[in-house]
Amino acid sequence: MIAAIERGIVAAVSDAENSGAFGYTYGTLTSFDQAATVLEMGTIAYPALWSIYDGEEPPERLGDKSYRRRLRFAVFVAAEQWLNAAFSR
């Protein structure tokens, strides 16, 4: 279920990207489980974005058999610098 939520976040960003809302496209746009494979293979393309599960608070009991769970997710964005950082200092 967590991976499905991560992929849903990525799908929403992808829809916005496809509509032209950003003015650019992502080279890598993925959920964390898929990003791990991309990172291991060294095939990441910038700019990159991936969503990740960030944990949750303790469940809140609402009744005899029901709980409320509040999950946290984060979105990471990475860019590649094309300038020589040593030259600019």
Protein backbone atom coordinates (compact mmCIF):
# COMPACT_ATOMS: atom_id res chain seq x y z
CA MET A 1 0.00 0.00 0.00
CA ILE A 2 2.85 2.40 0.76
CA ALA A 3 4.39 1.83 -2.67
CA ALA A 4 0.97 2.47 -4.24
CA ILE A 5 0.74 5.84 -2.48
CA GLU A 6 4.30 6.73 -3.53
CA ARG A 7 3.42 5.84 -7.12
CA GLY A 8 0.22 7.90 -6.86
CA ILE A 9 2.29 10.94 -5.86
CA VAL A 10 4.57 10.32 -8.84
CA ALA A 11 1.53 9.94 -11.12
CA ALA A 12 0.16 13.31 -9.97
CA VAL A 13 3.51 14.99 -10.66
CA SER A 14 3.70 13.23 -14.03
CA ASP A 15 0.23 14.50 -14.97
CA ALA A 16 1.27 18.05 -14.06
CA GLU A 17 4.50 17.63 -16.04
CA ASN A 18 2.60 16.34 -19.09
CA SER A 19 0.21 19.31 -18.94
CA GLY A 20 3.19 21.68 -19.25
CA ALA A 21 2.73 23.12 -15.76
CA PHE A 22 6.46 23.01 -14.97
CA GLY A 23 7.92 24.25 -18.23
CA TYR A 24 10.43 21.38 -18.24
CA THR A 25 10.42 17.60 -18.01
CA TYR A 26 12.01 15.28 -15.49
CA GLY A 27 14.68 12.86 -16.62
CA THR A 28 13.87 10.48 -13.75
CA LEU A 29 10.42 10.49 -12.14
CA THR A 30 9.82 7.52 -9.86
CA SER A 31 8.82 6.14 -6.48
CA PHE A 32 11.49 5.17 -3.97
CA ASP A 33 11.37 1.42 -4.63
CA GLN A 34 11.96 2.04 -8.32
CA ALA A 35 14.50 4.83 -7.66
CA ALA A 36 16.69 2.43 -5.68
CA THR A 37 17.11 0.33 -8.82
CA VAL A 38 17.84 3.41 -10.93
CA LEU A 39 20.46 4.61 -8.44
CA GLU A 40 22.11 1.18 -8.21
CA MET A 41 22.33 0.94 -12.01
CA GLY A 42 23.66 4.49 -12.29
CA THR A 43 21.04 5.43 -14.87
CA ILE A 44 19.57 8.46 -13.10
CA ALA A 45 18.79 11.35 -15.44
CA TYR A 46 18.46 14.90 -14.13
CA PRO A 47 16.37 16.66 -13.11
CA ALA A 48 15.10 13.80 -11.01
CA LEU A 49 12.20 13.43 -8.61
CA TRP A 50 11.17 10.54 -6.40
CA SER A 51 8.68 10.08 -3.60
CA ILE A 52 9.46 8.23 -0.39
CA TYR A 53 7.62 7.02 2.71
CA ASP A 54 8.84 9.07 5.67
CA GLY A 55 7.21 7.27 8.61
CA GLU A 56 4.09 7.71 10.68
CA GLU A 57 2.83 8.83 14.04
CA PRO A 58 1.51 6.25 16.52
CA PRO A 59 -2.01 5.12 15.51
CA GLU A 60 -4.90 6.95 17.16
CA ARG A 61 -7.63 4.64 18.49
CA LEU A 62 -11.08 5.78 17.37
CA GLY A 63 -13.23 2.92 18.62
CA ASP A 64 -13.21 -0.75 19.51
CA LYS A 65 -11.82 -1.88 16.15
CA SER A 66 -10.81 1.27 14.34
CA TYR A 67 -7.66 3.38 14.26
CA ARG A 68 -6.52 6.49 12.45
CA ARG A 69 -3.05 6.34 10.96
CA ARG A 70 -1.22 9.40 9.67
CA LEU A 71 1.48 8.52 7.18
CA ARG A 72 4.17 10.98 6.05
CA PHE A 73 5.68 11.08 2.60
CA ALA A 74 8.45 13.23 1.18
CA VAL A 75 9.33 14.25 -2.35
CA PHE A 76 13.01 14.58 -3.27
CA VAL A 77 14.21 16.60 -6.22
CA ALA A 78 17.74 16.43 -7.58
CA ALA A 79 19.44 18.58 -10.20
CA GLU A 80 22.79 18.39 -11.87
CA GLN A 81 25.18 21.32 -11.80
CA TRP A 82 26.81 21.90 -15.15
CA LEU A 83 29.13 24.67 -14.01
CA ASN A 84 32.57 24.14 -12.55
CA ALA A 85 32.00 24.70 -8.81
CA ALA A 86 35.74 25.13 -8.13
CA PHE A 87 35.96 27.85 -10.78
CA SER A 88 33.12 29.88 -9.24
CA ARG A 89 34.69 30.07 -5.76
